[in-house]
Protein backbone atom coordinates (compact mmCIF):
# COMPACT_ATOMS: atom_id res chain seq x y z
CA MET A 1 0.04 0.01 0.00
CA GLY A 2 1.86 3.12 -1.24
CA PRO A 3 2.10 6.40 0.57
CA GLU A 4 0.01 8.12 -2.06
CA ARG A 5 -3.03 6.04 -1.08
CA ARG A 6 -5.67 7.18 1.38
CA VAL A 7 -7.28 4.74 3.74
CA ILE A 8 -10.06 4.57 6.28
CA VAL A 9 -9.57 2.44 9.40
CA GLY A 10 -12.44 0.36 10.75
CA VAL A 11 -11.96 -0.49 14.45
CA ASP A 12 -14.01 -3.24 16.16
CA VAL A 13 -13.78 -3.90 19.86
CA GLY A 14 -15.19 -7.43 20.19
CA THR A 15 -15.79 -9.92 22.90
CA ARG A 16 -12.40 -11.65 22.47
CA ALA A 17 -10.22 -9.19 20.57
CA ALA A 18 -9.81 -5.78 19.17
CA ARG A 19 -9.43 -5.66 15.40
CA ALA A 20 -8.46 -2.81 13.11
CA ALA A 21 -8.60 -2.88 9.32
CA ALA A 22 -7.38 -0.24 7.01
CA PHE A 23 -9.29 -0.13 3.66
CA ALA A 24 -7.95 1.77 0.71
CA LEU A 25 -10.41 4.22 -0.60
CA ASP A 26 -10.03 2.87 -4.12
CA GLY A 27 -10.83 -0.69 -3.00
CA THR A 28 -7.44 -2.11 -3.94
CA ALA A 29 -5.89 -3.03 -0.56
CA ARG A 30 -6.53 -3.86 3.02
CA HIS A 31 -4.26 -4.20 6.16
CA VAL A 32 -5.44 -5.84 9.36
CA ALA A 33 -4.11 -6.11 12.86
CA THR A 34 -5.65 -7.85 15.98
CA ARG A 35 -5.01 -7.96 19.67
CA GLU A 36 -6.68 -10.51 21.79
CA TYR A 37 -7.74 -10.28 25.47
CA PRO A 38 -9.27 -12.62 28.03
CA LEU A 39 -12.95 -13.11 29.04
CA LEU A 40 -12.91 -13.66 32.70
CA GLU A 41 -15.35 -15.68 34.82
CA PRO A 42 -14.63 -14.88 38.55
CA VAL A 43 -17.97 -16.49 39.53
CA PRO A 44 -20.00 -18.97 37.53
CA GLY A 45 -22.18 -16.95 35.14
CA TRP A 46 -20.20 -13.69 35.61
CA ARG A 47 -18.34 -12.97 32.31
CA VAL A 48 -16.44 -9.77 32.60
CA GLN A 49 -13.40 -7.92 31.23
CA GLU A 50 -11.23 -5.08 32.44
CA PRO A 51 -12.13 -1.94 30.47
CA ASP A 52 -8.61 -0.55 30.42
CA VAL A 53 -7.25 -3.83 29.06
CA LEU A 54 -9.68 -3.62 26.21
CA VAL A 55 -8.61 -0.03 25.55
CA ALA A 56 -4.96 -0.90 25.51
CA ALA A 57 -5.68 -3.69 23.08
CA THR A 58 -7.63 -1.37 20.83
CA LEU A 59 -4.89 1.22 20.81
CA ALA A 60 -2.30 -1.43 20.07
CA ALA A 61 -4.27 -3.00 17.24
CA THR A 62 -5.00 0.41 15.68
CA SER A 63 -1.42 1.44 16.01
CA ALA A 64 -0.21 -1.73 14.33
CA CYS A 65 -2.72 -1.39 11.59
CA VAL A 66 -1.75 2.23 10.89
CA ALA A 67 1.93 1.27 10.89
CA GLY A 68 1.18 -1.38 8.28
CA THR A 69 -0.31 1.07 5.81
CA ALA A 70 3.14 2.22 4.82
CA GLY A 71 2.54 5.97 5.33
CA ALA A 72 -0.86 6.17 3.62
CA GLU A 73 -3.10 8.99 4.69
CA VAL A 74 -5.69 7.88 7.25
CA VAL A 75 -8.84 9.93 6.54
CA ALA A 76 -10.76 8.71 9.61
CA LEU A 77 -11.24 6.06 12.18
CA ALA A 78 -14.68 4.46 12.35
CA LEU A 79 -15.71 2.46 15.33
CA SER A 80 -17.69 -0.69 16.11
CA SER A 81 -18.06 -2.71 19.27
CA ALA A 82 -19.99 -5.53 20.90
CA ARG A 83 -23.27 -4.23 22.32
CA TYR A 84 -25.07 -4.91 25.55
CA GLY A 85 -22.06 -4.34 27.78
CA LEU A 86 -22.15 -2.11 30.95
CA ILE A 87 -19.57 -0.31 32.89
CA GLY A 88 -19.87 2.00 35.90
CA LEU A 89 -17.60 5.03 36.10
CA ASP A 90 -16.97 7.43 38.92
CA ALA A 91 -16.81 11.30 38.51
CA ALA A 92 -13.23 11.02 37.37
CA MET A 93 -14.20 8.62 34.53
CA THR A 94 -12.50 5.74 36.31
CA PRO A 95 -14.15 2.34 36.07
CA VAL A 96 -15.74 1.26 39.36
CA THR A 97 -16.93 -2.05 37.87
CA PRO A 98 -15.52 -4.37 35.24
CA LEU A 99 -17.16 -4.49 31.86
CA LEU A 100 -20.20 -6.81 32.23
CA THR A 101 -20.27 -8.43 28.78
CA ARG A 102 -23.35 -9.48 26.80
CA CYS A 103 -22.74 -13.17 28.00
CA ASP A 104 -22.82 -12.26 31.68
CA THR A 105 -25.84 -13.96 33.15
CA ARG A 106 -25.95 -12.73 36.77
CA SER A 107 -29.19 -10.86 36.01
CA SER A 108 -31.12 -13.94 34.97
CA GLU A 109 -33.46 -13.70 37.89
CA ALA A 110 -34.27 -10.06 37.13
CA ALA A 111 -35.09 -11.00 33.46
CA ARG A 112 -37.32 -13.90 34.65
CA GLU A 113 -39.21 -11.52 36.96
CA LEU A 114 -39.82 -9.03 34.31
CA ARG A 115 -41.23 -11.79 32.03
CA SER A 116 -43.44 -13.40 34.64
CA SER A 117 -44.79 -10.06 35.74
CA GLY A 118 -45.86 -9.24 32.20
CA GLN A 119 -43.71 -6.10 32.05
CA SER A 120 -41.41 -7.61 29.38
CA ARG A 121 -44.04 -7.08 26.63
CA GLU A 122 -44.38 -3.38 27.21
CA LEU A 123 -40.63 -2.98 27.57
CA HIS A 124 -40.10 -4.71 24.29
CA ARG A 125 -42.76 -2.61 22.55
CA LEU A 126 -41.09 0.58 23.80
CA THR A 127 -37.43 -0.31 23.38
CA GLY A 128 -37.30 -2.87 20.67
CA THR A 129 -35.15 -5.05 22.90
CA PRO A 130 -36.48 -8.31 24.34
CA VAL A 131 -35.90 -8.74 28.02
CA HIS A 132 -32.79 -10.95 28.58
CA PRO A 133 -29.96 -11.15 31.05
CA MET A 134 -27.63 -9.64 28.48
CA ASN A 135 -29.43 -6.27 28.49
CA PRO A 136 -27.95 -3.33 30.47
CA LEU A 137 -31.46 -2.80 31.93
CA CYS A 138 -31.36 -6.24 33.67
CA LYS A 139 -27.73 -5.68 34.76
CA LEU A 140 -28.72 -2.42 36.41
CA LEU A 141 -31.58 -4.09 38.24
CA TRP A 142 -29.01 -6.62 39.47
CA PHE A 143 -26.71 -3.82 40.73
CA ALA A 144 -29.57 -2.09 42.48
CA ARG A 145 -30.46 -5.24 44.41
CA HIS A 146 -27.06 -6.58 45.14
CA GLU A 147 -24.62 -3.60 45.04
CA PRO A 148 -26.58 -0.53 46.23
CA TYR A 149 -23.47 1.12 47.69
CA LEU A 150 -21.67 0.81 44.42
CA CYS A 151 -24.71 2.22 42.68
CA THR A 152 -24.40 5.38 44.94
CA ALA A 153 -20.66 5.76 43.96
CA THR A 154 -21.35 5.52 40.33
CA ARG A 155 -21.55 8.81 38.33
CA TRP A 156 -21.99 7.31 34.87
CA TRP A 157 -23.35 4.01 33.42
CA VAL A 158 -21.85 3.47 29.92
CA GLY A 159 -21.30 0.85 27.28
CA LEU A 160 -18.10 -0.57 25.95
CA LYS A 161 -17.96 1.72 22.91
CA ASP A 162 -18.79 4.76 25.02
CA TYR A 163 -15.82 4.15 27.08
CA VAL A 164 -13.49 3.56 24.08
CA VAL A 165 -14.81 6.71 22.47
CA HIS A 166 -14.02 8.64 25.64
CA ARG A 167 -10.51 7.33 25.73
CA LEU A 168 -9.98 8.19 21.98
CA THR A 169 -11.63 11.57 21.95
CA GLY A 170 -12.08 12.84 25.54
CA MET A 171 -15.85 13.00 24.95
CA LEU A 172 -18.31 10.80 26.88
CA VAL A 173 -21.17 10.11 24.41
CA THR A 174 -23.00 7.12 23.02
CA GLU A 175 -24.74 6.67 19.69
CA LEU A 176 -28.05 5.49 18.40
CA SER A 177 -27.10 1.91 17.72
CA SER A 178 -25.63 1.21 21.16
CA ALA A 179 -28.33 3.18 22.94
CA SER A 180 -31.08 1.15 21.16
CA GLY A 181 -29.68 -2.09 22.50
CA THR A 182 -29.71 -1.08 26.21
CA GLY A 183 -33.41 -1.88 26.84
CA MET A 184 -33.79 1.67 28.17
CA PHE A 185 -34.11 3.66 25.00
CA ASP A 186 -37.47 4.59 23.41
CA VAL A 187 -36.90 3.70 19.82
CA HIS A 188 -40.00 5.56 18.69
CA ARG A 189 -39.19 8.83 20.29
CA ARG A 190 -35.41 8.36 19.85
CA ALA A 191 -34.80 9.26 23.43
CA TRP A 192 -34.03 7.69 26.88
CA SER A 193 -37.28 6.41 28.33
CA SER A 194 -38.03 8.13 31.72
CA ALA A 195 -40.27 5.26 32.71
CA VAL A 196 -37.62 2.55 32.12
CA LEU A 197 -34.93 4.63 33.76
CA ASP A 198 -37.10 4.84 36.86
CA LEU A 199 -37.49 1.09 36.85
CA ALA A 200 -33.71 0.77 36.44
CA GLY A 201 -33.02 3.19 39.23
CA VAL A 202 -30.90 5.55 37.21
CA SER A 203 -31.33 9.09 35.97
CA GLU A 204 -30.81 10.42 32.50
CA SER A 205 -27.98 12.57 33.81
CA GLN A 206 -26.09 9.31 34.50
CA LEU A 207 -26.23 8.23 30.91
CA PRO A 208 -24.23 9.68 28.01
CA PRO A 209 -25.96 11.93 25.38
CA VAL A 210 -26.99 10.04 22.20
CA LEU A 211 -25.41 11.02 18.97
CA PRO A 212 -26.21 9.76 15.49
CA THR A 213 -24.03 6.87 14.36
CA THR A 214 -22.50 9.10 11.72
CA ALA A 215 -21.33 11.77 14.24
CA VAL A 216 -17.69 12.75 13.75
CA LEU A 217 -15.44 13.56 16.75
CA ARG A 218 -11.69 14.26 16.83
CA LEU A 219 -8.80 12.13 18.04
CA SER A 220 -7.23 13.56 21.19
CA PRO A 221 -3.49 14.32 21.35
CA THR A 222 -2.92 11.44 23.83
CA ALA A 223 -4.64 8.87 21.76
CA GLY A 224 -3.05 10.21 18.65
CA ARG A 225 0.41 9.63 20.06
CA ALA A 226 -0.55 6.09 21.14
CA ILE A 227 -1.81 5.22 17.70
CA GLY A 228 0.60 7.19 15.62
CA LEU A 229 -1.91 9.64 14.05
CA PRO A 230 -2.22 13.39 14.15
CA SER A 231 -4.52 14.87 16.85
CA GLY A 232 -7.71 16.03 15.28
CA THR A 233 -8.06 12.95 13.00
CA PRO A 234 -11.81 12.33 12.43
CA VAL A 235 -13.29 9.65 14.62
CA VAL A 236 -16.71 8.46 13.40
CA VAL A 237 -18.58 7.03 16.51
CA GLY A 238 -20.12 4.23 14.39
CA ALA A 239 -22.54 1.50 15.48
CA GLY A 240 -22.77 -1.84 17.11
CA ASP A 241 -21.12 -4.90 15.59
CA GLY A 242 -24.31 -6.69 14.55
CA PRO A 243 -25.82 -3.87 12.45
CA LEU A 244 -22.35 -3.15 10.94
CA ARG A 245 -22.00 -6.83 10.00
CA SER A 246 -25.16 -6.49 7.97
CA LEU A 247 -23.79 -3.36 6.26
CA GLY A 248 -20.42 -5.05 5.63
CA ALA A 249 -22.12 -8.07 4.05
CA ALA A 250 -24.22 -5.71 1.76
CA ALA A 251 -27.35 -7.13 3.40
CA ILE A 252 -29.22 -3.86 3.97
CA ASP A 253 -32.13 -4.23 1.60
CA PRO A 254 -35.42 -4.97 3.41
CA THR A 255 -35.93 -8.14 1.30
CA VAL A 256 -32.44 -9.47 2.12
CA GLY A 257 -31.44 -11.31 5.24
CA GLY A 258 -27.96 -11.48 6.66
CA LEU A 259 -27.34 -14.83 8.37
CA THR A 260 -24.22 -15.07 10.52
CA LEU A 261 -22.99 -18.37 11.90
CA GLY A 262 -20.00 -18.75 14.19
CA ALA A 263 -20.15 -20.23 17.59
CA THR A 264 -23.73 -18.92 17.79
CA GLY A 265 -26.02 -17.69 14.98
CA ALA A 266 -28.02 -14.61 14.02
CA LEU A 267 -30.37 -13.55 11.34
CA ARG A 268 -30.85 -9.84 10.49
CA THR A 269 -32.60 -7.68 7.99
CA VAL A 270 -32.77 -3.93 7.68
CA VAL A 271 -35.92 -1.88 7.66
CA LYS A 272 -36.49 1.93 7.38
CA ALA A 273 -38.18 2.50 10.81
CA PRO A 274 -38.35 0.51 14.09
CA ARG A 275 -40.49 -2.63 13.69
CA ILE A 276 -41.48 -4.54 16.80
CA ASP A 277 -42.75 -8.18 16.84
CA LEU A 278 -45.43 -9.11 19.32
CA ALA A 279 -43.82 -12.49 20.13
CA GLU A 280 -40.83 -10.88 21.77
CA THR A 281 -38.47 -12.91 19.55
CA PHE A 282 -36.71 -10.29 17.57
CA SER A 283 -34.75 -7.13 18.69
CA CYS A 284 -34.79 -3.94 16.62
CA GLY A 285 -31.82 -1.66 16.80
CA ALA A 286 -30.37 1.18 14.69
CA LEU A 287 -27.74 1.24 12.09
CA THR A 288 -28.46 4.84 11.18
CA ASP A 289 -31.46 7.20 11.78
CA ASP A 290 -33.35 5.62 8.80
CA ALA A 291 -31.90 2.13 8.85
CA TRP A 292 -33.07 -0.27 11.65
CA VAL A 293 -31.84 -3.84 11.99
CA VAL A 294 -34.36 -6.45 13.04
CA ARG A 295 -32.45 -9.44 14.54
CA GLY A 296 -33.14 -12.82 15.86
CA ALA A 297 -30.41 -14.94 17.51
CA VAL A 298 -29.73 -18.51 18.46
CA GLY A 299 -27.31 -19.62 21.20
CA ASN A 300 -26.64 -22.82 19.41
CA GLY A 301 -24.49 -22.80 16.25
CA GLY A 302 -21.08 -23.98 15.31
CA ASN A 303 -20.57 -24.57 19.08
CA VAL A 304 -22.85 -27.60 18.83
CA VAL A 305 -20.34 -29.36 16.41
CA ARG A 306 -17.54 -28.43 18.80
CA TRP A 307 -19.56 -29.92 21.65
CA ALA A 308 -20.08 -33.07 19.55
CA GLY A 309 -16.35 -33.24 18.86
CA ARG A 310 -15.58 -32.93 22.61
CA VAL A 311 -17.99 -35.61 23.77
CA LEU A 312 -16.98 -37.86 20.93
CA GLY A 313 -13.36 -37.58 21.99
CA ASP A 314 -12.15 -35.46 19.11
CA ASP A 315 -12.20 -31.93 20.50
CA HIS A 316 -9.81 -30.26 17.99
CA ALA A 317 -10.89 -32.03 14.86
CA VAL A 318 -14.00 -30.17 13.76
CA PRO A 319 -12.92 -30.20 10.01
CA ALA A 320 -12.45 -33.91 10.22
CA LEU A 321 -15.86 -34.45 11.89
CA LEU A 322 -17.54 -32.39 9.17
CA ASP A 323 -15.78 -34.58 6.50
CA LEU A 324 -17.32 -37.62 8.31
CA ALA A 325 -20.74 -35.88 8.20
CA GLU A 326 -20.49 -35.07 4.55
CA ARG A 327 -20.52 -38.89 3.79
CA ILE A 328 -23.87 -39.39 5.45
CA ALA A 329 -27.03 -39.09 3.53
CA PRO A 330 -29.22 -36.00 4.06
CA GLY A 331 -31.57 -36.65 6.98
CA SER A 332 -28.93 -38.62 8.84
CA ASP A 333 -30.84 -41.96 8.23
CA GLY A 334 -33.68 -40.87 10.58
CA LEU A 335 -31.55 -39.27 13.25
CA VAL A 336 -32.66 -35.81 14.32
CA MET A 337 -30.87 -33.56 16.83
CA LEU A 338 -32.72 -30.79 18.66
CA PRO A 339 -29.58 -28.56 19.37
CA TYR A 340 -30.85 -26.81 22.46
CA LEU A 341 -27.60 -27.09 24.47
CA TRP A 342 -27.30 -23.35 25.48
CA ALA A 343 -30.03 -20.85 26.22
CA ASP A 344 -31.17 -18.73 23.28
CA GLU A 345 -32.14 -15.01 23.45
CA ALA A 346 -35.55 -16.16 22.47
CA PRO A 347 -37.79 -17.95 23.35
CA PRO A 348 -37.57 -16.74 26.95
CA GLU A 349 -34.84 -18.37 28.98
CA GLY A 350 -36.04 -21.65 30.47
CA CYS A 351 -38.87 -22.16 27.87
CA ALA A 352 -36.93 -23.99 25.23
CA PRO A 353 -36.98 -27.79 25.28
CA PRO A 354 -33.89 -29.67 26.22
CA GLY A 355 -31.42 -30.73 23.59
CA ALA A 356 -32.00 -34.25 22.33
CA PHE A 357 -30.99 -36.83 19.72
CA LEU A 358 -34.22 -38.44 18.51
CA GLY A 359 -34.35 -41.82 16.58
CA LEU A 360 -30.97 -43.00 17.71
CA ARG A 361 -30.12 -46.51 16.52
CA SER A 362 -27.17 -48.78 16.80
CA GLU A 363 -26.33 -48.30 13.10
CA HIS A 364 -25.80 -44.62 13.62
CA SER A 365 -22.10 -43.62 13.55
CA ARG A 366 -20.09 -40.59 14.63
CA GLY A 367 -20.73 -39.05 11.21
CA HIS A 368 -24.51 -39.39 11.74
CA LEU A 369 -24.28 -37.63 15.10
CA VAL A 370 -22.33 -34.75 13.58
CA ARG A 371 -24.52 -34.42 10.48
CA ALA A 372 -27.59 -34.41 12.69
CA ALA A 373 -26.04 -31.60 14.77
CA VAL A 374 -25.41 -29.57 11.60
CA GLU A 375 -28.99 -30.21 10.24
CA GLY A 376 -30.49 -29.40 13.71
CA VAL A 377 -28.78 -25.98 13.79
CA CYS A 378 -29.83 -25.17 10.26
CA LEU A 379 -33.36 -26.22 10.91
CA GLN A 380 -33.48 -23.90 14.00
CA LEU A 381 -32.26 -21.03 11.81
CA GLY A 382 -34.73 -21.91 9.16
CA ASP A 383 -37.47 -21.61 11.79
CA LEU A 384 -36.08 -18.30 12.70
CA ARG A 385 -36.54 -17.13 9.22
CA ASP A 386 -40.13 -18.39 9.15
CA ARG A 387 -40.85 -16.37 12.36
CA LEU A 388 -39.15 -13.27 10.90
CA ALA A 389 -41.77 -13.36 8.04
CA ASP A 390 -44.37 -12.25 10.60
CA VAL A 391 -42.34 -9.09 11.07
CA THR A 392 -40.85 -8.52 7.59
CA PRO A 393 -40.48 -11.13 4.88
CA ILE A 394 -37.11 -11.73 3.21
CA GLY A 395 -36.65 -13.30 -0.16
CA SER A 396 -32.94 -14.01 -0.19
CA VAL A 397 -30.13 -14.54 2.35
CA ARG A 398 -26.41 -13.66 2.48
CA LEU A 399 -24.24 -15.96 4.62
CA THR A 400 -21.39 -14.74 6.82
CA GLY A 401 -19.30 -16.25 9.58
CA GLY A 402 -16.54 -18.89 9.99
CA ALA A 403 -18.81 -21.89 9.90
CA PHE A 404 -19.80 -21.18 6.21
CA ARG A 405 -16.26 -21.90 5.13
CA SER A 406 -17.44 -25.49 5.31
CA PRO A 407 -19.24 -26.76 2.19
CA LEU A 408 -21.46 -28.87 4.35
CA TRP A 409 -22.69 -25.86 6.45
CA ARG A 410 -23.39 -23.95 3.27
CA GLU A 411 -25.22 -26.69 1.51
CA VAL A 412 -27.43 -27.67 4.32
CA MET A 413 -28.23 -24.03 5.33
CA ALA A 414 -29.13 -23.18 1.76
CA ALA A 415 -31.34 -26.26 1.23
CA VAL A 416 -33.16 -25.51 4.57
CA LEU A 417 -33.75 -21.87 3.71
CA ASP A 418 -35.09 -22.85 0.21
CA CYS A 419 -34.48 -19.41 -1.32
CA PRO A 420 -31.63 -17.66 -3.21
CA VAL A 421 -28.54 -17.85 -0.95
CA HIS A 422 -25.12 -16.15 -1.46
CA VAL A 423 -21.96 -16.36 0.60
CA ALA A 424 -20.79 -12.73 1.13
CA GLY A 425 -17.14 -11.98 0.26
CA ALA A 426 -14.28 -12.94 2.40
CA ALA A 427 -13.80 -9.55 4.05
CA ASP A 428 -14.09 -8.96 7.80
CA HIS A 429 -17.71 -7.79 7.46
CA VAL A 430 -17.76 -5.92 10.83
CA THR A 431 -14.69 -3.64 10.28
CA LEU A 432 -15.74 -3.25 6.60
CA GLY A 433 -19.17 -2.15 7.81
CA ALA A 434 -17.57 0.33 10.27
CA ALA A 435 -15.34 1.67 7.54
CA ALA A 436 -18.18 2.02 5.13
CA LEU A 437 -20.29 3.93 7.63
CA GLY A 438 -17.33 6.10 8.35
CA LEU A 439 -16.67 6.80 4.64
CA PHE A 440 -20.42 7.87 4.35
CA ALA A 441 -20.24 9.92 7.53
CA ILE A 442 -17.20 12.08 6.31
CA GLY A 443 -18.85 12.68 2.92
CA HIS A 444 -16.64 10.38 0.73
CA SER A 445 -19.46 8.26 -0.50
CA ALA A 446 -23.07 9.07 -1.58
CA ASP A 447 -24.69 6.28 0.37
CA LEU A 448 -24.02 3.14 2.45
CA PRO A 449 -24.21 0.55 -0.41
CA ALA A 450 -21.85 2.63 -2.52
CA ALA A 451 -19.40 2.90 0.37
CA VAL A 452 -19.29 -0.91 0.81
CA THR A 453 -18.69 -1.35 -2.97
CA GLN A 454 -16.04 1.44 -2.95
CA LEU A 455 -13.98 -0.25 -0.26
CA ASP A 456 -14.51 -3.88 -1.25
CA PRO A 457 -15.98 -4.35 -4.79
CA GLY A 458 -16.25 -8.09 -4.35
CA VAL A 459 -18.75 -8.04 -1.40
CA PRO A 460 -21.95 -7.04 -2.98
CA GLY A 461 -22.11 -9.96 -5.42
CA GLY A 462 -21.14 -12.82 -3.29
CA GLU A 463 -20.80 -16.53 -4.20
CA PRO A 464 -24.20 -18.22 -4.96
CA VAL A 465 -24.82 -21.56 -3.20
CA THR A 466 -26.12 -24.20 -5.61
CA VAL A 467 -28.21 -26.91 -4.00
CA ASP A 468 -29.61 -30.15 -5.37
CA PRO A 469 -33.48 -29.84 -5.46
CA ALA A 470 -33.79 -33.32 -4.01
CA LEU A 471 -31.83 -32.04 -0.96
CA THR A 472 -34.17 -29.07 -0.54
CA ALA A 473 -37.25 -31.41 -0.80
CA ALA A 474 -35.72 -33.70 1.88
CA TYR A 475 -35.29 -30.89 4.41
CA ARG A 476 -38.65 -29.43 3.53
CA GLY A 477 -40.28 -32.63 4.75
CA LEU A 478 -38.14 -32.65 7.93
CA ARG A 479 -39.11 -29.06 8.61
CA THR A 480 -42.78 -29.94 8.56
CA ARG A 481 -42.15 -32.55 11.27
CA LEU A 482 -40.00 -30.32 13.38
CA PRO A 483 -42.74 -28.64 15.44
CA ALA A 484 -44.13 -32.08 16.62
CA LEU A 485 -40.61 -33.21 17.50
CA ILE A 486 -40.00 -30.06 19.52
CA THR A 487 -43.27 -30.63 21.40
CA VAL A 488 -42.32 -34.14 22.20
CA ALA A 489 -38.93 -33.11 23.45
CA GLY A 490 -40.61 -30.35 25.58
CA ARG A 491 -42.87 -32.93 27.29
CA LEU A 492 -39.85 -35.23 27.90
CA GLY A 493 -38.06 -32.30 29.48
CA GLU A 494 -41.11 -31.65 31.81
CA ILE A 495 -41.05 -35.29 32.85
CA LEU A 496 -37.32 -35.12 33.59
CA ASP A 497 -37.58 -31.87 35.49
CA ALA A 498 -40.45 -33.24 37.58
CA GLY A 499 -38.14 -36.20 38.59
CA ALA A 500 -35.01 -34.17 39.06
CA ASP A 501 -35.45 -33.96 42.92
CA VAL A 502 -36.20 -37.64 43.41
CA SER A 503 -33.20 -39.30 45.06
CA ALA A 504 -32.60 -43.04 44.75
CA PRO A 505 -32.35 -44.69 48.14
CA ALA A 506 -28.77 -45.29 49.25
CA ARG A 507 -27.43 -48.80 48.83
CA PRO A 508 -26.47 -50.59 52.10
């Protein structure tokens, strides 16, 4: 990348690592740097990180990325981060809590109480966010109940990106995308909800002001020295990682779904205004003022195959297991897996049936078990798409995520969806989405789709997934039987739960 080139740097602060990617404005080159950090679990269910460790990794990744551009002009930094985190700060902007990540489940009891009381429906209608332990609202309820003295000492409650922005620019602000994922923001009025803040026990003065995701701040001298950029370099506040993944995959047309499958899975589509589902299944959060992402998620994705590898005694051989599964006929010779090993965001926690292998016979092999796991996850995601049709129908799907490097995952997923399916280009879609949003924000691109194409011309087309019609027909039949199988598994779960407290008499 020559010194005459100009680049924009997308920076994503994720759950496991900070990643910075410099995209040439002419779409010809990209340079990436990553710095990892630990996810801590000091108490079972508490999944936290040290905010300053994340900031240090972000500065280091961005510095390494900038250094790798060989003197190209950096026109802006554009930010992304994992949503749903919560940090308490004192008046000096020093963290008084760790970052409670989205996967911290200490507030499960608060979430269950909101659901059992019926309050969750109105909260979802108002905020677009289903009640779940990941939400900052539920985390604040936990603090109010268990750490009241800490609450008194806390001047600010902020998200992960808010803290990173403060350390980069000296400004304490949030943006529409992150705010709309807190469970405390009225997505219809585009303002903090006083009723929900009262429930959470916080005041609006304890929360950062909400800016558009396209707002442009300036890099502070201290951060500039750490990164190797001039102070005053534009910093676009950006959005959450999920909405930006949709943008980076060029899945921002209302008729197009963006399906991501890594350890877990998510299906998103973009609409022009907040749209709320009555079943409390899908969240609705902002990408920009006039682009809102409707999202449903499953907690069981590629992690199900890793689990299968572990229990089958082959923990580090997922590719080999998938190779075995490819040799098995579609439908796994009658074996069906319901892959409910971890709690989903929806249905409400505790309401999903237990995971199960149904139809297990002696002739079933390791390959059958793994293929059934893949098929079970894809069927679950297919069901999510069917439910999304009640909110906004989608006619085609773009696939992203590490699992879809596997031909088996691609083929089964496309056959289950039974619609045009493309694999989005190989770019890091989150940092590309951040960079594209930043390019639009600083006026270097006419609109968001044009920004994605400008930075990575290969993404909008994608690779079509061709599926044998017989495979599609086979999975269509299995999908029709899936609701009955889930009902049976649910009843079995109730029977097992009823007997869970029965102790066998001790043997003499």
